Amino acid sequence: MKTPTLTCCSLALGACLLLPGAWATPLPDRLERPSRLSGQAHNAPLVAVQRLADRLVMVGADGHIVLRSLDGQLSQAAVPVDLLLTAVYFVDDQHGWAVGHDGVVLRSNDGGASWRKQLDGRTINTLMLAWAQAEVDRLAAGTTVDEQALDNARFALDDISAGVAAGPSRPLLDVWFRSPDEGWVVGAYGMLLHTRDGGESWAYVSELDNPDRLHLNTLLGLANGDLLIAGEGGRLYRHSAGRWQPAQVLTPASLYKLVQLRDGQVLAMGFGGALLRSADLGRHWQAIKLPSAANLYGAEQLADHSVLFSGQAGLLYSTDLQGFRLLQPSDKALWLGAAALADGTLALVGSRGLRLLGRDELKEYLQ
């Protein structure tokens, strides 16, 4: 197995441009060294944002987790690791998780004010190695040996062993929890882990239809209990009624984000201007033609039900998912996520940190 690099699996979107030389520090040090506190953390690269009832929670470079209160006050949480954080998800206003490089999973029980490490790549390596060895032993002990399956299992064991030798080097790219107890994380090289106790223990999930271990970039839980995962090669995976279904290939382009709108529609977006929508919870998809082939990284539905897409070329705005307008705030940046606030302000995060577009300013762009 190749060692993940910033080029191949930092958010699957070229974060090497944001963080040159970020792997120069030995990996174990990054997992044990707390993130540095800085009065300018909100101006450093930020990757993901979530709005809670009384605050924004943003994660990004160097283990930075930045909070913004309703009155505009910014603060930086103390974080026990100093590495790139790629995603954040709060299941309610108190209980949240953040994930990132080196297989790190962090948990907060106080709305993001404080964080503790629950998992890192060293434990993930142990989980994967134990699974691979058990699979080889199971197949070898069968009364009728499936030689092809046994060869595949032995190859997987060798591959995982090589990855273990590289250290805690598998980035996690997204996280989603159904409740304060049950959740999943996904990442590079087909990484999928599941917890039933709030992240205190994790199980490696091997049943996904992903024999080539393509990167898994995003996951989304639906109201009917299904779980969707999307990633490299435009593949979509569904867990329904307790079983993983065969993968769908939606597009040749890699998918980066899954979003569900208020009317139930599901959007899948990614590289090369790929945008698809589904009106039946992801069973059937329709491609949407865009005015630009720039990469899309996220979407936020506004109060009037219009949608803003964040991406490489700026922002795409649409009222009906048929016509689109390209918006580019004056400080051109790579926008990775957005969150709409109750007062109409739009919070953008990206390569230049946090950018706030006031309601009047946003209206000017949309006129």
Protein backbone atom coordinates (compact mmCIF):
# COMPACT_ATOMS: atom_id res chain seq x y z
CA MET A 1 0.00 0.00 0.00
CA LYS A 2 1.28 3.43 -0.87
CA THR A 3 1.69 5.91 1.95
CA PRO A 4 -1.03 8.58 1.62
CA THR A 5 0.29 11.97 0.64
CA LEU A 6 -1.22 15.42 0.52
CA THR A 7 -1.49 15.08 -3.25
CA CYS A 8 -3.55 11.91 -3.30
CA CYS A 9 -5.83 12.16 -0.35
CA SER A 10 -5.86 15.47 1.52
CA LEU A 11 -9.57 16.10 1.17
CA ALA A 12 -9.22 14.70 -2.33
CA LEU A 13 -9.02 18.29 -3.56
CA GLY A 14 -5.42 19.38 -3.70
CA ALA A 15 -4.88 20.60 -0.16
CA CYS A 16 -1.19 20.45 -1.00
CA LEU A 17 -1.72 23.95 -2.37
CA LEU A 18 -2.92 25.07 1.04
CA LEU A 19 -0.35 23.39 3.22
CA PRO A 20 3.02 22.97 1.52
CA GLY A 21 5.45 20.77 3.40
CA ALA A 22 2.88 19.78 6.03
CA TRP A 23 4.31 16.27 6.25
CA ALA A 24 7.84 17.35 7.13
CA THR A 25 7.22 16.71 10.84
CA PRO A 26 7.36 13.04 11.94
CA LEU A 27 3.82 11.69 12.09
CA PRO A 28 3.75 10.47 15.72
CA ASP A 29 4.72 13.96 16.94
CA ARG A 30 1.70 15.46 15.22
CA LEU A 31 -0.62 13.08 17.05
CA GLU A 32 0.86 13.88 20.44
CA ARG A 33 1.53 17.62 20.06
CA PRO A 34 -1.38 19.99 20.83
CA SER A 35 -2.43 22.49 18.21
CA ARG A 36 -0.87 25.90 18.75
CA LEU A 37 -3.17 28.65 19.91
CA SER A 38 -3.12 31.71 17.68
CA GLY A 39 -5.07 34.91 17.45
CA GLN A 40 -5.07 34.45 13.66
CA ALA A 41 -6.39 30.88 13.48
CA HIS A 42 -9.53 32.15 11.70
CA ASN A 43 -7.32 33.48 8.88
CA ALA A 44 -5.49 30.17 8.36
CA PRO A 45 -6.91 27.55 5.98
CA LEU A 46 -10.26 26.20 7.20
CA VAL A 47 -11.80 23.15 5.59
CA ALA A 48 -15.27 22.58 7.07
CA VAL A 49 -17.93 24.47 9.03
CA GLN A 50 -21.12 23.55 10.86
CA ARG A 51 -23.70 25.89 12.34
CA LEU A 52 -25.06 25.04 15.79
CA ALA A 53 -27.82 26.88 17.63
CA ASP A 54 -25.52 29.47 19.17
CA ARG A 55 -22.23 29.19 17.31
CA LEU A 56 -20.25 28.16 14.25
CA VAL A 57 -17.68 25.39 14.56
CA MET A 58 -14.89 25.41 11.95
CA VAL A 59 -11.95 23.00 11.49
CA GLY A 60 -8.83 23.15 9.37
CA ALA A 61 -5.05 23.39 9.22
CA ASP A 62 -2.70 22.52 12.08
CA GLY A 63 -5.46 21.15 14.28
CA HIS A 64 -7.26 24.50 14.38
CA ILE A 65 -10.86 24.45 15.62
CA VAL A 66 -12.36 27.93 15.59
CA LEU A 67 -15.66 28.95 17.20
CA ARG A 68 -17.76 31.99 16.36
CA SER A 69 -20.57 32.99 18.72
CA LEU A 70 -23.81 34.71 17.71
CA ASP A 71 -22.40 38.07 18.77
CA GLY A 72 -19.41 37.64 16.46
CA GLN A 73 -16.80 36.71 19.06
CA LEU A 74 -14.10 34.34 17.78
CA SER A 75 -12.25 31.82 19.91
CA GLN A 76 -9.96 28.87 19.33
CA ALA A 77 -10.54 25.55 21.07
CA ALA A 78 -7.72 23.64 22.70
CA VAL A 79 -7.08 20.60 20.48
CA PRO A 80 -4.77 17.67 21.39
CA VAL A 81 -3.32 17.18 17.87
CA ASP A 82 -1.44 19.35 15.41
CA LEU A 83 -2.52 18.11 11.99
CA LEU A 84 -4.97 18.82 9.20
CA LEU A 85 -8.59 18.35 10.24
CA THR A 86 -10.89 17.59 7.31
CA ALA A 87 -14.47 17.38 8.58
CA VAL A 88 -16.72 18.11 11.56
CA TYR A 89 -20.18 16.82 12.49
CA PHE A 90 -22.38 17.59 15.49
CA VAL A 91 -25.35 15.31 16.03
CA ASP A 92 -26.84 17.95 18.35
CA ASP A 93 -25.68 21.24 19.86
CA GLN A 94 -23.34 19.53 22.33
CA HIS A 95 -22.03 16.25 20.91
CA GLY A 96 -19.69 16.47 17.93
CA TRP A 97 -16.75 14.79 16.22
CA ALA A 98 -13.92 16.02 14.00
CA VAL A 99 -11.66 13.85 11.83
CA GLY A 100 -8.44 14.38 9.94
CA HIS A 101 -5.05 13.16 8.89
CA ASP A 102 -3.22 10.28 10.55
CA GLY A 103 -6.60 8.64 11.20
CA VAL A 104 -7.49 11.01 14.02
CA VAL A 105 -10.99 11.21 15.53
CA LEU A 106 -11.74 13.91 18.11
CA ARG A 107 -14.86 14.25 20.27
CA SER A 108 -16.49 17.23 21.97
CA ASN A 109 -19.28 17.06 24.56
CA ASP A 110 -19.62 20.81 25.06
CA GLY A 111 -20.44 22.27 21.66
CA GLY A 112 -16.85 22.40 20.46
CA ALA A 113 -15.33 24.28 23.40
CA SER A 114 -13.05 21.35 24.28
CA TRP A 115 -11.92 18.20 22.48
CA ARG A 116 -10.31 14.87 23.27
CA LYS A 117 -8.77 12.26 20.98
CA GLN A 118 -10.72 9.01 20.62
CA LEU A 119 -8.88 7.30 17.77
CA ASP A 120 -5.78 7.62 15.60
CA GLY A 121 -4.06 5.76 12.80
CA ARG A 122 -2.10 3.49 15.13
CA THR A 123 -5.29 1.93 16.46
CA ILE A 124 -6.75 1.81 12.96
CA ASN A 125 -3.68 -0.13 11.80
CA THR A 126 -4.24 -2.65 14.60
CA LEU A 127 -7.92 -3.04 13.70
CA MET A 128 -7.17 -3.61 10.01
CA LEU A 129 -4.34 -6.02 10.68
CA ALA A 130 -6.50 -8.08 13.05
CA TRP A 131 -9.30 -8.22 10.48
CA ALA A 132 -6.96 -9.29 7.65
CA GLN A 133 -5.30 -12.02 9.72
CA ALA A 134 -8.69 -13.34 10.88
CA GLU A 135 -9.90 -13.43 7.26
CA VAL A 136 -6.88 -15.46 6.14
CA ASP A 137 -7.31 -17.85 9.07
CA ARG A 138 -11.03 -18.27 8.39
CA LEU A 139 -10.59 -19.06 4.72
CA ALA A 140 -7.63 -21.38 5.30
CA ALA A 141 -9.57 -23.40 7.91
CA GLY A 142 -12.59 -24.05 5.68
CA THR A 143 -13.47 -27.63 4.71
CA THR A 144 -13.47 -26.52 1.07
CA VAL A 145 -10.82 -23.89 0.44
CA ASP A 146 -11.61 -21.15 -2.06
CA GLU A 147 -8.09 -20.63 -3.37
CA GLN A 148 -8.92 -17.37 -5.15
CA ALA A 149 -10.54 -15.88 -2.05
CA LEU A 150 -7.62 -17.08 0.09
CA ASP A 151 -5.10 -15.53 -2.29
CA ASN A 152 -7.03 -12.25 -2.18
CA ALA A 153 -7.09 -12.35 1.62
CA ARG A 154 -3.36 -13.01 1.79
CA PHE A 155 -2.72 -10.14 -0.59
CA ALA A 156 -4.87 -7.88 1.62
CA LEU A 157 -2.89 -8.99 4.68
CA ASP A 158 0.41 -8.21 2.97
CA ASP A 159 -0.93 -4.88 1.74
CA ILE A 160 -2.20 -3.87 5.17
CA SER A 161 1.05 -5.01 6.80
CA ALA A 162 2.99 -2.73 4.46
CA GLY A 163 0.65 0.12 5.40
CA VAL A 164 1.18 -0.56 9.09
CA ALA A 165 4.93 -0.25 8.55
CA ALA A 166 4.35 3.27 7.21
CA GLY A 167 2.80 4.33 10.51
CA PRO A 168 -0.48 6.16 11.25
CA SER A 169 -0.75 7.58 7.75
CA ARG A 170 -4.34 7.05 6.60
CA PRO A 171 -6.34 10.31 6.43
CA LEU A 172 -9.98 10.30 7.47
CA LEU A 173 -12.09 12.57 5.27
CA ASP A 174 -15.63 12.68 6.65
CA VAL A 175 -17.73 11.80 9.69
CA TRP A 176 -21.47 11.34 10.33
CA PHE A 177 -23.36 10.23 13.43
CA ARG A 178 -26.95 8.97 13.58
CA SER A 179 -27.13 9.52 17.35
CA PRO A 180 -24.72 10.35 20.16
CA ASP A 181 -23.85 6.64 20.15
CA GLU A 182 -23.77 5.41 16.55
CA GLY A 183 -21.61 6.86 13.79
CA TRP A 184 -19.24 6.24 10.91
CA VAL A 185 -16.02 7.74 9.54
CA VAL A 186 -14.61 7.34 6.01
CA GLY A 187 -11.26 8.04 4.43
CA ALA A 188 -8.48 7.27 2.00
CA TYR A 189 -8.01 3.81 0.48
CA GLY A 190 -11.54 2.68 1.25
CA MET A 191 -11.36 3.30 4.99
CA LEU A 192 -14.73 2.82 6.73
CA LEU A 193 -15.14 2.50 10.49
CA HIS A 194 -18.30 2.16 12.61
CA THR A 195 -18.97 2.83 16.30
CA ARG A 196 -21.94 2.03 18.53
CA ASP A 197 -20.64 3.64 21.73
CA GLY A 198 -20.01 7.24 20.76
CA GLY A 199 -16.52 6.58 19.41
CA GLU A 200 -15.02 4.85 22.44
CA SER A 201 -14.47 1.75 20.29
CA TRP A 202 -14.53 1.23 16.53
CA ALA A 203 -14.99 -1.66 14.10
CA TYR A 204 -13.39 -1.86 10.67
CA VAL A 205 -16.10 -2.36 8.01
CA SER A 206 -14.99 -4.70 5.22
CA GLU A 207 -18.29 -5.48 3.45
CA LEU A 208 -18.33 -2.42 1.18
CA ASP A 209 -18.30 -3.15 -2.58
CA ASN A 210 -14.90 -1.50 -3.02
CA PRO A 211 -12.30 -4.17 -3.93
CA ASP A 212 -9.88 -1.56 -5.31
CA ARG A 213 -10.01 0.44 -2.06
CA LEU A 214 -10.97 3.67 -3.78
CA HIS A 215 -10.99 6.75 -1.57
CA LEU A 216 -14.24 7.42 0.33
CA ASN A 217 -14.74 11.17 0.58
CA THR A 218 -18.20 11.79 2.02
CA LEU A 219 -21.11 10.12 3.79
CA LEU A 220 -24.71 11.07 4.52
CA GLY A 221 -27.40 9.46 6.64
CA LEU A 222 -30.98 9.63 5.38
CA ALA A 223 -34.22 9.87 7.35
CA ASN A 224 -35.27 6.37 6.25
CA GLY A 225 -32.21 4.88 7.95
CA ASP A 226 -30.11 4.35 4.81
CA LEU A 227 -26.48 5.45 4.71
CA LEU A 228 -24.88 6.82 1.52
CA ILE A 229 -21.14 7.04 0.88
CA ALA A 230 -19.50 8.58 -2.20
CA GLY A 231 -15.96 9.06 -3.41
CA GLU A 232 -13.31 8.30 -5.96
CA GLY A 233 -14.38 7.27 -9.45
CA GLY A 234 -17.89 8.66 -8.99
CA ARG A 235 -18.96 5.65 -6.94
CA LEU A 236 -21.92 5.68 -4.59
CA TYR A 237 -22.40 3.05 -1.88
CA ARG A 238 -25.66 2.41 0.02
CA HIS A 239 -26.29 0.62 3.30
CA SER A 240 -29.98 -0.30 3.53
CA ALA A 241 -31.92 -2.75 5.69
CA GLY A 242 -28.73 -3.95 7.33
CA ARG A 243 -26.89 -4.74 4.07
CA TRP A 244 -24.45 -3.05 1.73
CA GLN A 245 -25.74 -2.88 -1.83
CA PRO A 246 -23.60 -3.09 -5.00
CA ALA A 247 -21.91 0.20 -5.82
CA GLN A 248 -23.41 2.62 -8.34
CA VAL A 249 -21.15 4.59 -10.69
CA LEU A 250 -22.77 8.01 -11.06
CA THR A 251 -20.04 9.77 -13.06
CA PRO A 252 -16.40 9.26 -14.10
CA ALA A 253 -15.47 12.22 -11.87
CA SER A 254 -14.70 11.72 -8.21
CA LEU A 255 -17.46 12.86 -5.86
CA TYR A 256 -16.57 15.00 -2.89
CA LYS A 257 -19.79 15.89 -1.05
CA LEU A 258 -23.32 14.57 -0.44
CA VAL A 259 -26.00 17.02 0.74
CA GLN A 260 -29.73 16.61 1.40
CA LEU A 261 -32.06 19.56 0.80
CA ARG A 262 -35.16 20.39 2.85
CA ASP A 263 -37.49 18.88 0.22
CA GLY A 264 -35.67 15.54 0.47
CA GLN A 265 -33.63 15.84 -2.71
CA VAL A 266 -30.07 14.53 -2.42
CA LEU A 267 -27.20 16.26 -4.23
CA ALA A 268 -23.86 14.68 -5.12
CA MET A 269 -21.04 16.96 -6.27
CA GLY A 270 -17.35 16.81 -6.98
CA PHE A 271 -14.55 17.30 -9.43
CA GLY A 272 -14.84 18.70 -12.94
CA GLY A 273 -18.14 20.40 -12.19
CA ALA A 274 -19.88 17.12 -11.45
CA LEU A 275 -23.34 17.73 -9.94
CA LEU A 276 -26.15 15.19 -9.73
CA ARG A 277 -29.47 15.14 -7.95
CA SER A 278 -31.82 12.41 -6.78
CA ALA A 279 -35.50 12.74 -5.92
CA ASP A 280 -35.78 9.21 -4.49
CA LEU A 281 -33.14 9.15 -1.75
CA GLY A 282 -30.25 8.27 -4.03
CA ARG A 283 -31.67 5.35 -5.97
CA HIS A 284 -31.80 7.18 -9.31
CA TRP A 285 -29.75 10.21 -10.33
CA GLN A 286 -29.95 13.00 -12.87
CA ALA A 287 -26.86 14.92 -13.99
CA ILE A 288 -27.12 18.72 -13.86
CA LYS A 289 -25.25 20.77 -16.43
CA LEU A 290 -23.22 23.63 -14.98
CA PRO A 291 -21.73 26.75 -16.59
CA SER A 292 -18.28 25.82 -15.29
CA ALA A 293 -16.24 22.63 -14.98
CA ALA A 294 -14.63 23.83 -11.76
CA ASN A 295 -14.57 21.52 -8.77
CA LEU A 296 -17.45 21.69 -6.28
CA TYR A 297 -16.77 21.06 -2.59
CA GLY A 298 -20.01 21.83 -0.75
CA ALA A 299 -23.53 23.25 -0.83
CA GLU A 300 -25.64 25.31 1.57
CA GLN A 301 -29.38 25.85 1.26
CA LEU A 302 -30.46 29.39 2.14
CA ALA A 303 -33.62 30.49 3.96
CA ASP A 304 -35.47 31.08 0.67
CA HIS A 305 -34.59 27.48 -0.43
CA SER A 306 -32.06 28.65 -3.03
CA VAL A 307 -28.69 26.86 -2.98
CA LEU A 308 -25.12 28.19 -2.90
CA PHE A 309 -22.36 25.83 -4.01
CA SER A 310 -18.81 26.45 -2.80
CA GLY A 311 -15.98 25.51 -5.08
CA GLN A 312 -12.77 26.17 -6.91
CA ALA A 313 -14.10 29.03 -9.04
CA GLY A 314 -16.02 30.81 -6.29
CA LEU A 315 -19.71 30.35 -5.53
CA LEU A 316 -22.49 29.02 -7.74
CA TYR A 317 -26.00 30.23 -6.94
CA SER A 318 -29.26 28.66 -8.09
CA THR A 319 -32.93 29.06 -7.22
CA ASP A 320 -34.10 25.97 -9.10
CA LEU A 321 -31.03 23.77 -9.83
CA GLN A 322 -31.49 24.59 -13.50
CA GLY A 323 -30.07 28.07 -13.93
CA PHE A 324 -26.84 29.06 -12.18
CA ARG A 325 -24.94 32.27 -11.50
CA LEU A 326 -21.24 32.40 -10.74
CA LEU A 327 -20.34 34.65 -7.80
CA GLN A 328 -16.81 35.54 -6.75
CA PRO A 329 -16.27 37.62 -3.60
CA SER A 330 -13.55 40.24 -3.94
CA ASP A 331 -10.99 38.27 -1.95
CA LYS A 332 -10.70 35.38 -4.37
CA ALA A 333 -10.11 32.14 -2.55
CA LEU A 334 -10.74 28.44 -2.73
CA TRP A 335 -14.06 28.02 -0.89
CA LEU A 336 -14.53 24.64 0.76
CA GLY A 337 -17.72 25.14 2.77
CA ALA A 338 -20.45 27.57 3.77
CA ALA A 339 -23.01 28.04 6.52
CA ALA A 340 -25.99 30.41 6.47
CA LEU A 341 -26.65 32.29 9.72
CA ALA A 342 -30.06 33.29 11.08
CA ASP A 343 -29.49 36.99 10.30
CA GLY A 344 -28.84 36.28 6.62
CA THR A 345 -25.05 36.40 6.88
CA LEU A 346 -23.15 33.73 4.98
CA ALA A 347 -20.02 32.27 6.56
CA LEU A 348 -17.49 30.93 4.06
CA VAL A 349 -14.43 28.84 4.90
CA GLY A 350 -11.51 28.05 2.64
CA SER A 351 -7.91 28.67 1.79
CA ARG A 352 -7.93 32.12 3.45
CA GLY A 353 -9.85 31.11 6.55
CA LEU A 354 -13.22 32.58 7.50
CA ARG A 355 -14.99 35.13 5.30
CA LEU A 356 -18.37 36.64 6.24
CA LEU A 357 -20.77 37.95 3.61
CA GLY A 358 -23.41 40.17 5.21
CA ARG A 359 -27.01 40.00 4.05
CA ASP A 360 -26.78 43.28 2.12
CA GLU A 361 -23.49 42.31 0.53
CA LEU A 362 -24.90 38.93 -0.47
CA LYS A 363 -27.93 40.64 -1.99
CA GLU A 364 -25.65 42.80 -4.13
CA TYR A 365 -24.01 39.69 -5.55
CA LEU A 366 -27.40 38.12 -6.27
CA GLN A 367 -28.96 41.14 -7.99
